[in-house]
Each structure stands twice: as structure tokens, then as C-alpha cells.
Amino acid sequence: MSFGQPFFVRVASAMEIAACHPGEPTSDGSEYEEEETKQALWKKLGVTPHSRFLNMAADNHVTWPREPTLVRFDGYHFVLMPRTRDKVQSVHMDLTGNRLDDSGATTVIRRFLSVIAWCDDNFATLGFGWSGNPVPVPVAKPELAFRTTPHYIFDRKMPSTPEARRALALYREALNAEHNALISYAVLNYYKIIELTQRDRGATRNWFRDNFDYARSFEYLKRPLNDFDKLRGATEPHEYIYKSCRIAVAHAGKDSKSDPDDASELRRLYVAARIMQVLARHCIEAELKISDCMFDGT
């Protein structure tokens, strides 16, 4: 692109007119003040030109700062942001500044939440999040989808046996635990559903052995099953579910070292839970003869 003499003549003419007839400023400059305030806040919170933040929701009832605050914890630093009308309490860690990946940062944040939960003797859970922003980004309150229908048809009775009632209760508790990021409790409850239908521990393990291929019939479980197979290695699926899932989360002995703050351990349990949920549902339908139809009258 080139600019000739006529262009500059027009610019000079416009400048002369503007000098003779000055107008009102288009704004009061507050947008610059707002930007300067924001930059000062980022600097206070440890943001650098190379920052890449992990942003995680943190539902809790522990002591939390009223304003965005930089916290130092055992050699790491991260930002705590308060709850607002449309944002949840959240934790933000600079992955570059702390030299961590997403998994390592999540583990550190969980360690921090465990300490403050102990100090305040109250709950503190880590929820959803993402990474990649150059500055900490507040986490919006979730707008959970819900299911409605214009024609609600329901015709069911309370299950007639104590075992059936307990099985549905355990299944609901497991789903609730997964929703609230309590994956250890979800794994344990899915296992207890199968235990409920078998005569002893050995029979329960044999049920998993004999029914595991049922999970392989679902296409959407292909990826979780591949991950599951890699995690179990040479261990048989039913033995892995018993020793590395059920025993690991239910006990705390020298052979049961499941750590609910460890991000890699939680990922392992989430993989197992996807498969155990399908098997638990299969057990309720096959062993206890409970239909999942809302209007079959049973």
C-alpha cells in the first residue's frame, strides 16, 4: 500500500480544522484506568508474560479470602478467587511458574485443600476446570442441564425385597459421589452392589470374572476399556477390581495405598468406575430383576 501527496494534504487539513474547533473527548478515559487497575492486579497475583494458568472450581466451606489473593504453599504459589454472584470459589495455578503439568498442579491443589479442610474441620472439594489462560480466569457457576418432558408417565412401586431397595440406594449414592468428585466412594458402592447379590467374597470376584465381557459389548466404553487394560497390566480384570479398586479404597494398610489427593490415582479410579458402573447396572437388572422402565408397573 502506498500513500501519495493528496492523502497527506487531507490529513493536514483535518488536523487544522480539529485545532480550530476542538470537540469533547469521546470518553472520560476510565477504560484506561480500568485496564491499568487490571494490570496492577495481575502483577500482584504473580502473573508474568510466560504464565499459563490452570483454573479449577473449589466448592468448600472453609476460610477463603474475600479478594483475589496470592497464596504460597510448600514452595508453590497459586491464586484463590472468592465466590461472587455468578462465579464460584476457585484456585488458579501458573503451570509455567510452578513448573508443573495439569496432573501435578491438581495434586498440589488437592494437598492444599486437604490441609485447610483439616484446619477448619470442614469440607473442601475440587471441581471442574481447564488450563491455558495467560491470566487466572474466574470459574463461572455451572448451569447444569436438566431433563423435562411435557408428558410425564410414571408407574413404579417400591422394590419388594430389602436387597433390591439397598441396591438402588447404593447405585444412587455412587452416582451422587461421582457427581461430587468422590470417586473412591463411587467405586466402593458399585462394588458393594455386586457383593449384595453374592454369597461371599469369592463369589463376588467370580461374578466380575464371569460378567466382565458384558462391558466390552458397549462401543462407548472402548476407550475406557483400553485405558483399564493398560492400567491392570497382566492382572486379571476381576483381581484388579478387587485388589486395586475395592481393597485399595476401602482400607489403608501397607498394601492399600490409594491416595485421594493424587491426580494419577484419581484418574485410575475414574477409569475403573466407568466400567464398574455398567457392571453394577447389569447386576441389578440381571440378578435382582429390576427394570429401568419408568412405567412398567413393577
Protein backbone atom coordinates (compact mmCIF):
# COMPACT_ATOMS: atom_id res chain seq x y z
CA MET A 1 0.00 0.00 0.00
CA SER A 2 1.35 3.46 -0.87
CA PHE A 3 0.24 6.92 0.26
CA GLY A 4 0.56 9.83 -2.17
CA GLN A 5 0.61 13.60 -1.61
CA PRO A 6 -3.21 14.02 -1.76
CA PHE A 7 -3.61 11.70 1.25
CA PHE A 8 -1.26 13.75 3.43
CA VAL A 9 -2.88 17.03 2.28
CA ARG A 10 -6.22 15.72 3.51
CA VAL A 11 -4.70 14.64 6.83
CA ALA A 12 -3.10 18.07 7.34
CA SER A 13 -6.36 19.82 6.51
CA ALA A 14 -8.28 17.67 9.00
CA MET A 15 -5.71 18.46 11.71
CA GLU A 16 -6.04 22.24 11.09
CA ILE A 17 -9.83 22.04 11.35
CA ALA A 18 -9.62 19.96 14.57
CA ALA A 19 -7.21 22.50 16.12
CA CYS A 20 -9.57 25.39 15.34
CA HIS A 21 -12.69 23.58 16.53
CA PRO A 22 -11.73 21.23 19.41
CA GLY A 23 -14.56 18.88 20.39
CA GLU A 24 -15.45 17.00 23.54
CA PRO A 25 -13.41 13.86 24.31
CA THR A 26 -15.16 10.66 23.26
CA SER A 27 -14.76 9.22 26.80
CA ASP A 28 -13.51 10.13 30.26
CA GLY A 29 -10.56 7.76 29.97
CA SER A 30 -11.96 5.35 32.53
CA GLU A 31 -11.32 2.41 30.23
CA TYR A 32 -7.59 3.10 30.54
CA GLU A 33 -7.85 3.33 34.31
CA GLU A 34 -9.70 0.02 34.38
CA GLU A 35 -7.00 -1.62 32.28
CA GLU A 36 -4.26 -0.19 34.49
CA THR A 37 -6.06 -1.49 37.59
CA LYS A 38 -6.35 -4.92 36.00
CA GLN A 39 -2.66 -4.97 35.07
CA ALA A 40 -1.72 -3.96 38.63
CA LEU A 41 -3.88 -6.82 39.99
CA TRP A 42 -2.27 -9.39 37.66
CA LYS A 43 1.18 -8.22 38.77
CA LYS A 44 0.15 -8.54 42.42
CA LEU A 45 -1.09 -12.09 41.72
CA GLY A 46 2.23 -13.14 40.18
CA VAL A 47 1.22 -13.11 36.51
CA THR A 48 4.16 -12.96 34.09
CA PRO A 49 4.36 -12.74 30.27
CA HIS A 50 5.01 -16.51 30.23
CA SER A 51 2.19 -17.57 32.60
CA ARG A 52 -0.20 -20.39 31.69
CA PHE A 53 -2.87 -20.90 34.31
CA LEU A 54 -4.85 -23.93 35.45
CA ASN A 55 -8.28 -22.72 36.65
CA MET A 56 -10.25 -25.04 38.96
CA ALA A 57 -13.55 -24.67 40.80
CA ALA A 58 -13.24 -25.34 44.55
CA ASP A 59 -16.54 -25.94 46.33
CA ASN A 60 -15.87 -25.61 50.04
CA HIS A 61 -16.94 -24.27 53.41
CA VAL A 62 -13.50 -23.32 54.74
CA THR A 63 -11.99 -19.90 55.37
CA TRP A 64 -11.46 -18.21 52.00
CA PRO A 65 -10.16 -14.74 51.05
CA ARG A 66 -12.66 -12.01 50.15
CA GLU A 67 -10.44 -10.68 47.35
CA PRO A 68 -8.23 -12.46 44.76
CA THR A 69 -5.19 -13.50 46.78
CA LEU A 70 -1.77 -14.96 46.01
CA VAL A 71 -1.04 -17.91 48.32
CA ARG A 72 2.30 -19.65 48.87
CA PHE A 73 2.21 -23.30 49.87
CA ASP A 74 5.25 -25.52 50.35
CA GLY A 75 7.29 -23.87 47.60
CA TYR A 76 4.37 -23.42 45.18
CA HIS A 77 2.24 -20.34 44.56
CA PHE A 78 -1.32 -20.04 43.31
CA VAL A 79 -4.27 -17.67 43.36
CA LEU A 80 -7.51 -18.05 45.35
CA MET A 81 -10.56 -16.25 44.00
CA PRO A 82 -13.75 -15.69 46.02
CA ARG A 83 -17.33 -16.56 45.20
CA THR A 84 -19.40 -13.86 43.51
CA ARG A 85 -22.95 -13.68 42.21
CA ASP A 86 -22.08 -15.60 39.03
CA LYS A 87 -18.69 -17.15 39.91
CA VAL A 88 -17.68 -20.00 42.22
CA GLN A 89 -14.74 -20.12 44.60
CA SER A 90 -11.71 -21.17 42.60
CA VAL A 91 -7.99 -21.96 42.64
CA HIS A 92 -5.63 -20.87 39.86
CA MET A 93 -2.08 -22.18 39.43
CA ASP A 94 0.52 -20.88 36.98
CA LEU A 95 1.82 -24.09 35.40
CA THR A 96 4.84 -22.36 33.89
CA GLY A 97 5.82 -20.50 37.05
CA ASN A 98 5.42 -23.62 39.21
CA ARG A 99 6.99 -25.94 36.61
CA LEU A 100 4.10 -28.39 36.76
CA ASP A 101 1.77 -30.08 34.32
CA ASP A 102 -2.00 -30.25 34.84
CA SER A 103 -1.79 -33.51 36.80
CA GLY A 104 0.98 -32.33 39.13
CA ALA A 105 -0.75 -29.00 39.74
CA THR A 106 -4.05 -30.72 40.55
CA THR A 107 -2.30 -32.91 43.11
CA VAL A 108 -0.71 -29.85 44.79
CA ILE A 109 -4.07 -28.06 44.92
CA ARG A 110 -5.71 -31.11 46.49
CA ARG A 111 -2.92 -31.25 49.11
CA PHE A 112 -3.64 -27.61 49.92
CA LEU A 113 -7.39 -28.25 50.22
CA SER A 114 -6.71 -31.24 52.49
CA VAL A 115 -4.65 -29.03 54.83
CA ILE A 116 -7.25 -26.25 55.07
CA ALA A 117 -10.10 -28.78 55.40
CA TRP A 118 -8.23 -30.23 58.39
CA CYS A 119 -7.53 -26.78 59.87
CA ASP A 120 -11.15 -25.61 59.52
CA ASP A 121 -12.68 -29.06 60.07
CA ASN A 122 -14.99 -28.61 57.08
CA PHE A 123 -15.40 -29.85 53.52
CA ALA A 124 -13.33 -28.70 50.53
CA THR A 125 -13.76 -30.34 47.12
CA LEU A 126 -12.03 -29.68 43.81
CA GLY A 127 -14.35 -29.48 40.83
CA PHE A 128 -14.11 -28.87 37.10
CA GLY A 129 -11.62 -26.66 35.33
CA TRP A 130 -9.30 -26.07 32.39
CA SER A 131 -5.82 -24.74 31.61
CA GLY A 132 -4.10 -22.47 29.11
CA ASN A 133 -5.07 -18.90 30.02
CA PRO A 134 -2.29 -16.28 30.39
CA VAL A 135 -4.05 -14.89 33.49
CA PRO A 136 -6.25 -16.51 36.18
CA VAL A 137 -9.84 -16.65 34.93
CA PRO A 138 -12.75 -16.86 37.43
CA VAL A 139 -14.84 -20.03 37.10
CA ALA A 140 -18.49 -19.46 36.24
CA LYS A 141 -21.22 -21.18 38.24
CA PRO A 142 -22.32 -24.31 36.36
CA GLU A 143 -25.62 -24.22 34.51
CA LEU A 144 -26.48 -27.90 34.77
CA ALA A 145 -28.76 -29.23 32.07
CA PHE A 146 -31.96 -30.90 33.20
CA ARG A 147 -34.42 -33.25 31.59
CA THR A 148 -38.11 -32.41 31.26
CA THR A 149 -40.99 -33.83 29.29
CA PRO A 150 -44.48 -32.46 28.56
CA HIS A 151 -45.96 -35.93 29.25
CA TYR A 152 -44.59 -37.35 32.46
CA ILE A 153 -45.55 -41.03 32.70
CA PHE A 154 -44.60 -42.83 35.90
CA ASP A 155 -45.90 -46.13 37.20
CA ARG A 156 -43.47 -47.90 39.52
CA LYS A 157 -43.65 -49.44 43.00
CA MET A 158 -41.07 -49.58 45.74
CA PRO A 159 -38.86 -52.68 45.27
CA SER A 160 -40.30 -55.57 47.26
CA THR A 161 -37.08 -57.00 48.76
CA PRO A 162 -34.56 -55.37 51.11
CA GLU A 163 -31.72 -56.35 48.74
CA ALA A 164 -33.36 -54.60 45.80
CA ARG A 165 -34.02 -51.45 47.82
CA ARG A 166 -30.42 -51.39 49.07
CA ALA A 167 -29.05 -51.96 45.57
CA LEU A 168 -30.90 -48.95 44.18
CA ALA A 169 -29.83 -46.86 47.17
CA LEU A 170 -26.18 -47.84 46.66
CA TYR A 171 -26.42 -47.07 42.94
CA ARG A 172 -27.86 -43.61 43.61
CA GLU A 173 -25.18 -42.93 46.23
CA ALA A 174 -22.49 -43.98 43.75
CA LEU A 175 -23.84 -41.61 41.08
CA ASN A 176 -24.05 -38.79 43.64
CA ALA A 177 -20.47 -39.49 44.73
CA GLU A 178 -19.20 -39.28 41.14
CA HIS A 179 -21.07 -36.01 40.63
CA ASN A 180 -19.41 -34.57 43.74
CA ALA A 181 -15.92 -35.81 42.79
CA LEU A 182 -15.88 -38.52 45.49
CA ILE A 183 -14.72 -41.22 43.13
CA SER A 184 -13.36 -43.56 45.84
CA TYR A 185 -16.82 -43.76 47.41
CA ALA A 186 -18.41 -44.34 43.99
CA VAL A 187 -16.06 -47.26 43.25
CA LEU A 188 -16.77 -48.81 46.63
CA ASN A 189 -20.55 -48.54 46.22
CA TYR A 190 -20.53 -50.04 42.73
CA TYR A 191 -18.60 -53.00 44.15
CA LYS A 192 -21.00 -53.34 47.11
CA ILE A 193 -23.92 -53.75 44.72
CA ILE A 194 -22.38 -56.94 43.33
CA GLU A 195 -21.44 -58.07 46.87
CA LEU A 196 -25.07 -57.68 47.83
CA THR A 197 -26.15 -60.35 45.33
CA GLN A 198 -23.41 -62.92 46.07
CA ARG A 199 -22.94 -65.31 48.96
CA ASP A 200 -19.33 -64.44 49.82
CA ARG A 201 -16.16 -62.61 48.76
CA GLY A 202 -15.01 -65.33 46.38
CA ALA A 203 -18.37 -65.46 44.63
CA THR A 204 -18.27 -61.69 44.15
CA ARG A 205 -14.89 -61.85 42.45
CA ASN A 206 -16.10 -64.74 40.28
CA TRP A 207 -19.13 -62.65 39.23
CA PHE A 208 -16.82 -59.93 37.94
CA ARG A 209 -14.75 -62.61 36.17
CA ASP A 210 -17.78 -64.18 34.51
CA ASN A 211 -19.51 -60.92 33.56
CA PHE A 212 -16.64 -58.62 32.63
CA ASP A 213 -17.06 -59.25 28.90
CA TYR A 214 -20.52 -57.67 29.16
CA ALA A 215 -18.79 -54.28 29.46
CA ARG A 216 -16.85 -54.96 26.25
CA SER A 217 -20.12 -55.07 24.30
CA PHE A 218 -20.55 -51.28 24.60
CA GLU A 219 -18.86 -49.19 21.93
CA TYR A 220 -18.72 -46.06 24.11
CA LEU A 221 -16.61 -47.99 26.65
CA LYS A 222 -13.92 -48.85 24.11
CA ARG A 223 -11.54 -46.10 25.19
CA PRO A 224 -12.05 -46.57 28.98
CA LEU A 225 -11.53 -50.32 28.50
CA ASN A 226 -8.27 -49.71 26.64
CA ASP A 227 -7.10 -47.47 29.49
CA PHE A 228 -8.28 -50.08 32.02
CA ASP A 229 -6.32 -52.84 30.28
CA LYS A 230 -3.16 -50.72 30.28
CA LEU A 231 -3.55 -49.93 33.98
CA ARG A 232 -4.13 -53.53 35.07
CA GLY A 233 -1.27 -54.93 33.00
CA ALA A 234 -1.02 -58.70 33.44
CA THR A 235 -3.50 -58.78 36.34
CA GLU A 236 -6.86 -60.38 35.54
CA PRO A 237 -9.71 -57.82 35.40
CA HIS A 238 -11.62 -59.30 38.35
CA GLU A 239 -8.48 -59.46 40.50
CA TYR A 240 -7.59 -55.86 39.61
CA ILE A 241 -11.09 -54.67 40.52
CA TYR A 242 -10.90 -56.50 43.84
CA LYS A 243 -7.35 -55.68 44.93
CA SER A 244 -6.61 -52.35 43.25
CA CYS A 245 -10.10 -50.86 43.47
CA ARG A 246 -12.26 -52.36 46.21
CA ILE A 247 -9.48 -53.13 48.74
CA ALA A 248 -7.43 -50.05 47.79
CA VAL A 249 -10.22 -47.57 48.55
CA ALA A 250 -11.79 -49.43 51.50
CA HIS A 251 -8.62 -50.00 53.54
CA ALA A 252 -5.47 -48.09 54.46
CA GLY A 253 -2.95 -50.85 55.16
CA LYS A 254 0.53 -51.21 53.72
CA ASP A 255 -0.89 -52.91 50.63
CA SER A 256 -3.65 -50.32 50.14
CA LYS A 257 -2.01 -47.03 49.25
CA SER A 258 -4.80 -45.27 47.36
CA ASP A 259 -4.30 -41.51 47.84
CA PRO A 260 -7.37 -39.33 47.07
CA ASP A 261 -5.17 -36.25 46.57
CA ASP A 262 -3.04 -37.89 43.86
CA ALA A 263 -4.34 -36.87 40.42
CA SER A 264 -2.98 -40.02 38.72
CA GLU A 265 -4.70 -42.22 41.32
CA LEU A 266 -7.99 -40.40 40.81
CA ARG A 267 -7.74 -40.83 37.05
CA ARG A 268 -7.14 -44.57 37.59
CA LEU A 269 -10.25 -44.84 39.76
CA TYR A 270 -12.37 -42.83 37.30
CA VAL A 271 -11.43 -45.30 34.56
CA ALA A 272 -12.43 -48.24 36.79
CA ALA A 273 -15.66 -46.50 37.84
CA ARG A 274 -16.84 -46.14 34.22
CA ILE A 275 -16.70 -49.91 33.81
CA MET A 276 -17.91 -50.81 37.29
CA GLN A 277 -20.99 -48.63 36.83
CA VAL A 278 -22.01 -50.61 33.74
CA LEU A 279 -21.42 -53.91 35.54
CA ALA A 280 -23.33 -52.76 38.64
CA ARG A 281 -26.28 -51.76 36.48
CA HIS A 282 -26.12 -55.12 34.69
CA CYS A 283 -26.12 -56.88 38.06
CA ILE A 284 -29.21 -55.00 39.27
CA GLU A 285 -31.08 -55.88 36.10
CA ALA A 286 -29.90 -59.49 35.79
CA GLU A 287 -29.62 -60.65 39.41
CA LEU A 288 -32.36 -58.59 41.08
CA LYS A 289 -34.69 -58.40 38.05
CA ILE A 290 -35.24 -54.65 38.38
CA SER A 291 -36.44 -52.90 35.26
CA ASP A 292 -35.22 -49.42 34.27
CA CYS A 293 -38.54 -48.51 32.61
CA MET A 294 -40.38 -45.71 34.43
CA PHE A 295 -43.86 -47.02 33.65
CA ASP A 296 -43.83 -50.82 33.61
CA GLY A 297 -45.84 -51.08 36.84
CA THR A 298 -43.31 -53.20 38.76
